[in-house]
PDB file of N, CA and C in Angstrom:
ATOM      1  N   MET A   1     111.767  90.464  27.565  1.00  0.00           N
ATOM      2  CA  MET A   1     111.245  89.736  26.429  1.00  0.00           C
ATOM      3  C   MET A   1     112.379  89.261  25.509  1.00  0.00           C
ATOM      4  N   MET A   2     113.365  90.120  25.251  1.00  0.00           N
ATOM      5  CA  MET A   2     114.486  89.732  24.394  1.00  0.00           C
ATOM      6  C   MET A   2     115.318  88.614  25.038  1.00  0.00           C
ATOM      7  N   TYR A   3     115.454  88.660  26.362  1.00  0.00           N
ATOM      8  CA  TYR A   3     116.189  87.629  27.084  1.00  0.00           C
ATOM      9  C   TYR A   3     115.522  86.278  26.871  1.00  0.00           C
ATOM     10  N   ARG A   4     114.219  86.240  27.034  1.00  0.00           N
ATOM     11  CA  ARG A   4     113.471  84.993  26.856  1.00  0.00           C
ATOM     12  C   ARG A   4     113.543  84.521  25.403  1.00  0.00           C
ATOM     13  N   ALA A   5     113.440  85.444  24.457  1.00  0.00           N
ATOM     14  CA  ALA A   5     113.529  85.082  23.039  1.00  0.00           C
ATOM     15  C   ALA A   5     114.895  84.460  22.729  1.00  0.00           C
ATOM     16  N   GLY A   6     115.950  85.025  23.284  1.00  0.00           N
ATOM     17  CA  GLY A   6     117.287  84.472  23.088  1.00  0.00           C
ATOM     18  C   GLY A   6     117.425  83.083  23.672  1.00  0.00           C
ATOM     19  N   LEU A   7     116.921  82.908  24.889  1.00  0.00           N
ATOM     20  CA  LEU A   7     116.985  81.595  25.538  1.00  0.00           C
ATOM     21  C   LEU A   7     116.207  80.553  24.752  1.00  0.00           C
ATOM     22  N   GLU A   8     115.009  80.904  24.329  1.00  0.00           N
ATOM     23  CA  GLU A   8     114.146  79.923  23.671  1.00  0.00           C
ATOM     24  C   GLU A   8     114.487  79.706  22.208  1.00  0.00           C
ATOM     25  N   ARG A   9     114.740  80.760  21.463  1.00  0.00           N
ATOM     26  CA  ARG A   9     114.942  80.636  20.013  1.00  0.00           C
ATOM     27  C   ARG A   9     116.368  80.267  19.626  1.00  0.00           C
ATOM     28  N   ILE A  10     117.345  80.887  20.247  1.00  0.00           N
ATOM     29  CA  ILE A  10     118.735  80.640  19.861  1.00  0.00           C
ATOM     30  C   ILE A  10     119.332  79.475  20.650  1.00  0.00           C
ATOM     31  N   LEU A  11     119.248  79.559  21.966  1.00  0.00           N
ATOM     32  CA  LEU A  11     119.824  78.503  22.791  1.00  0.00           C
ATOM     33  C   LEU A  11     118.913  77.283  22.876  1.00  0.00           C
ATOM     34  N   GLY A  12     117.660  77.427  22.469  1.00  0.00           N
ATOM     35  CA  GLY A  12     116.736  76.298  22.444  1.00  0.00           C
ATOM     36  C   GLY A  12     116.383  75.771  23.818  1.00  0.00           C
ATOM     37  N   PHE A  13     116.321  76.634  24.783  1.00  0.00           N
ATOM     38  CA  PHE A  13     116.146  76.290  26.190  1.00  0.00           C
ATOM     39  C   PHE A  13     114.732  76.672  26.623  1.00  0.00           C
ATOM     40  N   ARG A  14     113.857  75.665  26.849  1.00  0.00           N
ATOM     41  CA  ARG A  14     112.510  75.990  27.315  1.00  0.00           C
ATOM     42  C   ARG A  14     111.976  74.877  28.212  1.00  0.00           C
ATOM     43  N   ARG A  15     111.062  75.270  29.061  1.00  0.00           N
ATOM     44  CA  ARG A  15     110.463  74.336  30.005  1.00  0.00           C
ATOM     45  C   ARG A  15     109.036  74.062  29.611  1.00  0.00           C
ATOM     46  N   SER A  16     108.632  72.808  29.706  1.00  0.00           N
ATOM     47  CA  SER A  16     107.259  72.396  29.460  1.00  0.00           C
ATOM     48  C   SER A  16     106.858  71.508  30.629  1.00  0.00           C
ATOM     49  N   ALA A  17     106.033  72.057  31.515  1.00  0.00           N
ATOM     50  CA  ALA A  17     105.628  71.358  32.748  1.00  0.00           C
ATOM     51  C   ALA A  17     106.884  70.984  33.550  1.00  0.00           C
ATOM     52  N   GLU A  18     107.128  69.713  33.771  1.00  0.00           N
ATOM     53  CA  GLU A  18     108.272  69.262  34.569  1.00  0.00           C
ATOM     54  C   GLU A  18     109.386  68.698  33.687  1.00  0.00           C
ATOM     55  N   THR A  19     109.487  69.209  32.469  1.00  0.00           N
ATOM     56  CA  THR A  19     110.500  68.754  31.524  1.00  0.00           C
ATOM     57  C   THR A  19     111.226  69.957  30.936  1.00  0.00           C
ATOM     58  N   LEU A  20     112.544  69.852  30.829  1.00  0.00           N
ATOM     59  CA  LEU A  20     113.345  70.854  30.139  1.00  0.00           C
ATOM     60  C   LEU A  20     113.592  70.334  28.735  1.00  0.00           C
ATOM     61  N   ILE A  21     113.314  71.161  27.738  1.00  0.00           N
ATOM     62  CA  ILE A  21     113.556  70.797  26.349  1.00  0.00           C
ATOM     63  C   ILE A  21     114.697  71.668  25.836  1.00  0.00           C
ATOM     64  N   VAL A  22     115.721  71.021  25.281  1.00  0.00           N
ATOM     65  CA  VAL A  22     116.880  71.727  24.745  1.00  0.00           C
ATOM     66  C   VAL A  22     116.976  71.394  23.262  1.00  0.00           C
ATOM     67  N   ASP A  23     116.861  72.409  22.418  1.00  0.00           N
ATOM     68  CA  ASP A  23     116.923  72.227  20.961  1.00  0.00           C
ATOM     69  C   ASP A  23     117.584  73.459  20.350  1.00  0.00           C
ATOM     70  N   PRO A  24     118.910  73.598  20.499  1.00  0.00           N
ATOM     71  CA  PRO A  24     119.607  74.805  20.045  1.00  0.00           C
ATOM     72  C   PRO A  24     119.607  74.988  18.522  1.00  0.00           C
ATOM     73  N   CYS A  25     119.636  76.237  18.123  1.00  0.00           N
ATOM     74  CA  CYS A  25     119.841  76.631  16.733  1.00  0.00           C
ATOM     75  C   CYS A  25     120.843  77.780  16.793  1.00  0.00           C
ATOM     76  N   VAL A  26     122.126  77.429  16.756  1.00  0.00           N
ATOM     77  CA  VAL A  26     123.204  78.394  17.002  1.00  0.00           C
ATOM     78  C   VAL A  26     124.052  78.603  15.750  1.00  0.00           C
ATOM     79  N   PRO A  27     124.801  79.694  15.708  1.00  0.00           N
ATOM     80  CA  PRO A  27     125.751  79.880  14.610  1.00  0.00           C
ATOM     81  C   PRO A  27     126.782  78.743  14.608  1.00  0.00           C
ATOM     82  N   ARG A  28     127.207  78.324  13.444  1.00  0.00           N
ATOM     83  CA  ARG A  28     128.170  77.221  13.307  1.00  0.00           C
ATOM     84  C   ARG A  28     129.482  77.480  14.045  1.00  0.00           C
ATOM     85  N   GLU A  29     129.817  78.755  14.224  1.00  0.00           N
ATOM     86  CA  GLU A  29     131.069  79.118  14.888  1.00  0.00           C
ATOM     87  C   GLU A  29     131.036  78.867  16.396  1.00  0.00           C
ATOM     88  N   TRP A  30     129.848  78.746  16.970  1.00  0.00           N
ATOM     89  CA  TRP A  30     129.750  78.517  18.412  1.00  0.00           C
ATOM     90  C   TRP A  30     130.147  77.078  18.699  1.00  0.00           C
ATOM     91  N   ARG A  31     131.243  76.892  19.388  1.00  0.00           N
ATOM     92  CA  ARG A  31     131.720  75.549  19.719  1.00  0.00           C
ATOM     93  C   ARG A  31     131.125  75.017  21.016  1.00  0.00           C
ATOM     94  N   SER A  32     130.649  75.916  21.875  1.00  0.00           N
ATOM     95  CA  SER A  32     130.029  75.465  23.127  1.00  0.00           C
ATOM     96  C   SER A  32     129.376  76.640  23.837  1.00  0.00           C
ATOM     97  N   PHE A  33     128.473  76.305  24.757  1.00  0.00           N
ATOM     98  CA  PHE A  33     127.952  77.292  25.691  1.00  0.00           C
ATOM     99  C   PHE A  33     127.428  76.558  26.912  1.00  0.00           C
ATOM    100  N   GLU A  34     127.278  77.296  27.995  1.00  0.00           N
ATOM    101  CA  GLU A  34     126.816  76.716  29.261  1.00  0.00           C
ATOM    102  C   GLU A  34     125.721  77.578  29.864  1.00  0.00           C
ATOM    103  N   ILE A  35     124.818  76.926  30.546  1.00  0.00           N
ATOM    104  CA  ILE A  35     123.743  77.601  31.277  1.00  0.00           C
ATOM    105  C   ILE A  35     123.637  76.927  32.642  1.00  0.00           C
ATOM    106  N   VAL A  36     123.483  77.706  33.679  1.00  0.00           N
ATOM    107  CA  VAL A  36     123.211  77.182  35.015  1.00  0.00           C
ATOM    108  C   VAL A  36     121.865  77.746  35.443  1.00  0.00           C
ATOM    109  N   PHE A  37     120.986  76.879  35.914  1.00  0.00           N
ATOM    110  CA  PHE A  37     119.675  77.351  36.350  1.00  0.00           C
ATOM    111  C   PHE A  37     119.153  76.498  37.497  1.00  0.00           C
ATOM    112  N   ARG A  38     118.163  77.030  38.171  1.00  0.00           N
ATOM    113  CA  ARG A  38     117.527  76.330  39.286  1.00  0.00           C
ATOM    114  C   ARG A  38     116.096  75.974  38.911  1.00  0.00           C
ATOM    115  N   HIS A  39     115.698  74.800  39.345  1.00  0.00           N
ATOM    116  CA  HIS A  39     114.296  74.384  39.254  1.00  0.00           C
ATOM    117  C   HIS A  39     113.920  73.951  40.665  1.00  0.00           C
ATOM    118  N   ARG A  40     113.144  74.797  41.312  1.00  0.00           N
ATOM    119  CA  ARG A  40     112.793  74.595  42.719  1.00  0.00           C
ATOM    120  C   ARG A  40     114.072  74.411  43.542  1.00  0.00           C
ATOM    121  N   SER A  41     114.268  73.270  44.191  1.00  0.00           N
ATOM    122  CA  SER A  41     115.446  73.097  45.050  1.00  0.00           C
ATOM    123  C   SER A  41     116.654  72.510  44.307  1.00  0.00           C
ATOM    124  N   ALA A  42     116.484  72.124  43.055  1.00  0.00           N
ATOM    125  CA  ALA A  42     117.574  71.500  42.290  1.00  0.00           C
ATOM    126  C   ALA A  42     118.336  72.541  41.464  1.00  0.00           C
ATOM    127  N   ARG A  43     119.587  72.236  41.226  1.00  0.00           N
ATOM    128  CA  ARG A  43     120.447  73.074  40.375  1.00  0.00           C
ATOM    129  C   ARG A  43     120.817  72.248  39.148  1.00  0.00           C
ATOM    130  N   TYR A  44     120.751  72.873  37.977  1.00  0.00           N
ATOM    131  CA  TYR A  44     121.089  72.201  36.728  1.00  0.00           C
ATOM    132  C   TYR A  44     122.223  72.943  36.043  1.00  0.00           C
ATOM    133  N   GLU A  45     123.256  72.206  35.684  1.00  0.00           N
ATOM    134  CA  GLU A  45     124.395  72.751  34.959  1.00  0.00           C
ATOM    135  C   GLU A  45     124.365  72.138  33.559  1.00  0.00           C
ATOM    136  N   LEU A  46     124.008  72.949  32.579  1.00  0.00           N
ATOM    137  CA  LEU A  46     123.837  72.502  31.205  1.00  0.00           C
ATOM    138  C   LEU A  46     125.035  72.925  30.357  1.00  0.00           C
ATOM    139  N   ALA A  47     125.673  71.968  29.688  1.00  0.00           N
ATOM    140  CA  ALA A  47     126.782  72.242  28.779  1.00  0.00           C
ATOM    141  C   ALA A  47     126.395  71.724  27.398  1.00  0.00           C
ATOM    142  N   VAL A  48     126.455  72.604  26.412  1.00  0.00           N
ATOM    143  CA  VAL A  48     126.177  72.230  25.028  1.00  0.00           C
ATOM    144  C   VAL A  48     127.483  72.305  24.257  1.00  0.00           C
ATOM    145  N   GLU A  49     127.832  71.215  23.578  1.00  0.00           N
ATOM    146  CA  GLU A  49     129.070  71.134  22.804  1.00  0.00           C
ATOM    147  C   GLU A  49     128.726  71.033  21.324  1.00  0.00           C
ATOM    148  N   ASN A  50     129.533  71.672  20.494  1.00  0.00           N
ATOM    149  CA  ASN A  50     129.315  71.675  19.051  1.00  0.00           C
ATOM    150  C   ASN A  50     130.633  71.333  18.346  1.00  0.00           C
ATOM    151  N   PRO A  51     131.100  70.085  18.464  1.00  0.00           N
ATOM    152  CA  PRO A  51     132.421  69.731  17.945  1.00  0.00           C
ATOM    153  C   PRO A  51     132.536  69.756  16.422  1.00  0.00           C
ATOM    154  N   HIS A  52     131.408  69.641  15.715  1.00  0.00           N
ATOM    155  CA  HIS A  52     131.438  69.573  14.254  1.00  0.00           C
ATOM    156  C   HIS A  52     130.981  70.860  13.580  1.00  0.00           C
ATOM    157  N   GLY A  53     130.734  71.907  14.369  1.00  0.00           N
ATOM    158  CA  GLY A  53     130.362  73.195  13.813  1.00  0.00           C
ATOM    159  C   GLY A  53     129.045  73.178  13.038  1.00  0.00           C
ATOM    160  N   VAL A  54     128.009  72.599  13.635  1.00  0.00           N
ATOM    161  CA  VAL A  54     126.689  72.567  13.000  1.00  0.00           C
ATOM    162  C   VAL A  54     125.797  73.635  13.615  1.00  0.00           C
ATOM    163  N   SER A  55     124.700  73.930  12.955  1.00  0.00           N
ATOM    164  CA  SER A  55     123.756  74.909  13.489  1.00  0.00           C
ATOM    165  C   SER A  55     122.729  74.260  14.407  1.00  0.00           C
ATOM    166  N   ARG A  56     122.326  73.048  14.063  1.00  0.00           N
ATOM    167  CA  ARG A  56     121.335  72.369  14.899  1.00  0.00           C
ATOM    168  C   ARG A  56     121.413  70.869  14.715  1.00  0.00           C
ATOM    169  N   GLY A  57     120.645  70.158  15.527  1.00  0.00           N
ATOM    170  CA  GLY A  57     120.642  68.706  15.507  1.00  0.00           C
ATOM    171  C   GLY A  57     121.398  68.157  16.697  1.00  0.00           C
ATOM    172  N   ILE A  58     120.775  67.261  17.428  1.00  0.00           N
ATOM    173  CA  ILE A  58     121.375  66.707  18.639  1.00  0.00           C
ATOM    174  C   ILE A  58     121.830  65.279  18.391  1.00  0.00           C
ATOM    175  N   ALA A  59     123.101  65.021  18.652  1.00  0.00           N
ATOM    176  CA  ALA A  59     123.677  63.689  18.487  1.00  0.00           C
ATOM    177  C   ALA A  59     123.598  62.884  19.786  1.00  0.00           C
ATOM    178  N   ARG A  60     123.675  63.586  20.939  1.00  0.00           N
ATOM    179  CA  ARG A  60     123.727  62.870  22.228  1.00  0.00           C
ATOM    180  C   ARG A  60     123.288  63.799  23.354  1.00  0.00           C
ATOM    181  N   THR A  61     122.538  63.227  24.290  1.00  0.00           N
ATOM    182  CA  THR A  61     122.137  63.956  25.495  1.00  0.00           C
ATOM    183  C   THR A  61     122.427  63.075  26.700  1.00  0.00           C
ATOM    184  N   GLU A  62     123.037  63.671  27.714  1.00  0.00           N
ATOM    185  CA  GLU A  62     123.337  62.945  28.949  1.00  0.00           C
ATOM    186  C   GLU A  62     122.801  63.727  30.140  1.00  0.00           C
ATOM    187  N   LEU A  63     122.274  63.008  31.096  1.00  0.00           N
ATOM    188  CA  LEU A  63     121.841  63.581  32.369  1.00  0.00           C
ATOM    189  C   LEU A  63     122.574  62.832  33.464  1.00  0.00           C
ATOM    190  N   ASP A  64     123.416  63.531  34.185  1.00  0.00           N
ATOM    191  CA  ASP A  64     124.212  62.933  35.266  1.00  0.00           C
ATOM    192  C   ASP A  64     124.988  61.705  34.777  1.00  0.00           C
ATOM    193  N   GLY A  65     125.533  61.792  33.558  1.00  0.00           N
ATOM    194  CA  GLY A  65     126.359  60.723  33.013  1.00  0.00           C
ATOM    195  C   GLY A  65     125.600  59.612  32.307  1.00  0.00           C
ATOM    196  N   GLU A  66     124.285  59.619  32.383  1.00  0.00           N
ATOM    197  CA  GLU A  66     123.468  58.595  31.731  1.00  0.00           C
ATOM    198  C   GLU A  66     122.933  59.131  30.404  1.00  0.00           C
ATOM    199  N   VAL A  67     123.041  58.333  29.344  1.00  0.00           N
ATOM    200  CA  VAL A  67     122.560  58.743  28.029  1.00  0.00           C
ATOM    201  C   VAL A  67     121.044  58.691  27.994  1.00  0.00           C
ATOM    202  N   LEU A  68     120.443  59.775  27.490  1.00  0.00           N
ATOM    203  CA  LEU A  68     118.996  59.835  27.313  1.00  0.00           C
ATOM    204  C   LEU A  68     118.678  59.507  25.862  1.00  0.00           C
ATOM    205  N   ARG A  69     117.610  58.788  25.642  1.00  0.00           N
ATOM    206  CA  ARG A  69     117.205  58.391  24.291  1.00  0.00           C
ATOM    207  C   ARG A  69     116.278  59.436  23.690  1.00  0.00           C
ATOM    208  N   GLY A  70     116.222  59.474  22.370  1.00  0.00           N
ATOM    209  CA  GLY A  70     115.312  60.369  21.678  1.00  0.00           C
ATOM    210  C   GLY A  70     116.050  61.385  20.827  1.00  0.00           C
ATOM    211  N   GLU A  71     115.347  61.907  19.827  1.00  0.00           N
ATOM    212  CA  GLU A  71     115.942  62.878  18.909  1.00  0.00           C
ATOM    213  C   GLU A  71     116.040  64.266  19.518  1.00  0.00           C
ATOM    214  N   GLN A  72     115.192  64.542  20.487  1.00  0.00           N
ATOM    215  CA  GLN A  72     115.194  65.845  21.134  1.00  0.00           C
ATOM    216  C   GLN A  72     115.699  65.665  22.553  1.00  0.00           C
ATOM    217  N   ALA A  73     116.396  66.659  23.058  1.00  0.00           N
ATOM    218  CA  ALA A  73     116.874  66.591  24.432  1.00  0.00           C
ATOM    219  C   ALA A  73     115.723  66.965  25.359  1.00  0.00           C
ATOM    220  N   GLN A  74     115.130  65.972  26.005  1.00  0.00           N
ATOM    221  CA  GLN A  74     114.047  66.189  26.960  1.00  0.00           C
ATOM    222  C   GLN A  74     114.513  65.679  28.311  1.00  0.00           C
ATOM    223  N   ILE A  75     114.696  66.605  29.223  1.00  0.00           N
ATOM    224  CA  ILE A  75     115.264  66.291  30.526  1.00  0.00           C
ATOM    225  C   ILE A  75     114.187  66.405  31.587  1.00  0.00           C
ATOM    226  N   PRO A  76     113.914  65.327  32.316  1.00  0.00           N
ATOM    227  CA  PRO A  76     112.948  65.416  33.416  1.00  0.00           C
ATOM    228  C   PRO A  76     113.531  66.263  34.548  1.00  0.00           C
ATOM    229  N   LEU A  77     112.749  67.208  35.039  1.00  0.00           N
ATOM    230  CA  LEU A  77     113.198  68.089  36.115  1.00  0.00           C
ATOM    231  C   LEU A  77     112.779  67.526  37.467  1.00  0.00           C
ATOM    232  N   ALA A  78     113.653  67.678  38.448  1.00  0.00           N
ATOM    233  CA  ALA A  78     113.398  67.159  39.791  1.00  0.00           C
ATOM    234  C   ALA A  78     113.403  68.298  40.806  1.00  0.00           C
ATOM    235  N   ASP A  79     112.841  68.037  41.949  1.00  0.00           N
ATOM    236  CA  ASP A  79     112.853  68.966  43.083  1.00  0.00           C
ATOM    237  C   ASP A  79     113.507  68.211  44.238  1.00  0.00           C
ATOM    238  N   ASP A  80     114.805  67.893  44.065  1.00  0.00           N
ATOM    239  CA  ASP A  80     115.482  66.995  45.001  1.00  0.00           C
ATOM    240  C   ASP A  80     116.669  67.613  45.729  1.00  0.00           C
ATOM    241  N   GLY A  81     116.919  68.909  45.541  1.00  0.00           N
ATOM    242  CA  GLY A  81     118.024  69.566  46.226  1.00  0.00           C
ATOM    243  C   GLY A  81     119.403  69.217  45.693  1.00  0.00           C
ATOM    244  N   ALA A  82     119.472  68.428  44.641  1.00  0.00           N
ATOM    245  CA  ALA A  82     120.754  67.984  44.092  1.00  0.00           C
ATOM    246  C   ALA A  82     121.213  68.886  42.952  1.00  0.00           C
ATOM    247  N   THR A  83     122.478  68.732  42.588  1.00  0.00           N
ATOM    248  CA  THR A  83     123.019  69.380  41.398  1.00  0.00           C
ATOM    249  C   THR A  83     123.072  68.339  40.292  1.00  0.00           C
ATOM    250  N   HIS A  84     122.471  68.655  39.159  1.00  0.00           N
ATOM    251  CA  HIS A  84     122.416  67.742  38.017  1.00  0.00           C
ATOM    252  C   HIS A  84     123.220  68.334  36.866  1.00  0.00           C
ATOM    253  N   ARG A  85     123.916  67.472  36.150  1.00  0.00           N
ATOM    254  CA  ARG A  85     124.716  67.890  35.012  1.00  0.00           C
ATOM    255  C   ARG A  85     124.106  67.342  33.728  1.00  0.00           C
ATOM    256  N   ILE A  86     123.860  68.263  32.805  1.00  0.00           N
ATOM    257  CA  ILE A  86     123.300  67.915  31.509  1.00  0.00           C
ATOM    258  C   ILE A  86     124.366  68.210  30.457  1.00  0.00           C
ATOM    259  N   ARG A  87     124.587  67.259  29.570  1.00  0.00           N
ATOM    260  CA  ARG A  87     125.533  67.428  28.466  1.00  0.00           C
ATOM    261  C   ARG A  87     124.797  67.140  27.172  1.00  0.00           C
ATOM    262  N   VAL A  88     124.796  68.112  26.269  1.00  0.00           N
ATOM    263  CA  VAL A  88     124.171  67.961  24.963  1.00  0.00           C
ATOM    264  C   VAL A  88     125.258  68.148  23.911  1.00  0.00           C
ATOM    265  N   VAL A  89     125.376  67.175  23.004  1.00  0.00           N
ATOM    266  CA  VAL A  89     126.355  67.255  21.922  1.00  0.00           C
ATOM    267  C   VAL A  89     125.588  67.416  20.616  1.00  0.00           C
ATOM    268  N   LEU A  90     125.887  68.493  19.902  1.00  0.00           N
ATOM    269  CA  LEU A  90     125.244  68.721  18.616  1.00  0.00           C
ATOM    270  C   LEU A  90     125.960  67.916  17.536  1.00  0.00           C
ATOM    271  N   GLY A  91     125.233  67.570  16.501  1.00  0.00           N
ATOM    272  CA  GLY A  91     125.865  66.844  15.412  1.00  0.00           C
ATOM    273  C   GLY A  91     124.879  66.193  14.497  1.00  0.00           C
TER     274      GLY A  91
END
């Protein structure tokens, strides 16, 4: 239970149906963190960067090098056997 609370509340990492939602609320001192996870046959490598030392707020989200639009990081999940790279920049 504590593991899930940490993932969801602090790292802001949760799944809703076939979408990953990333909305971190971290200490300002955290400059970055990474999570690797699997969704069915796909692998996701998530990197969160905090270059300005903020607690929350997303400035940019990328999936496999493509910028995703929106204020919240909402990543569509696939079952394609591929490795996907997610980059979230706080700011």
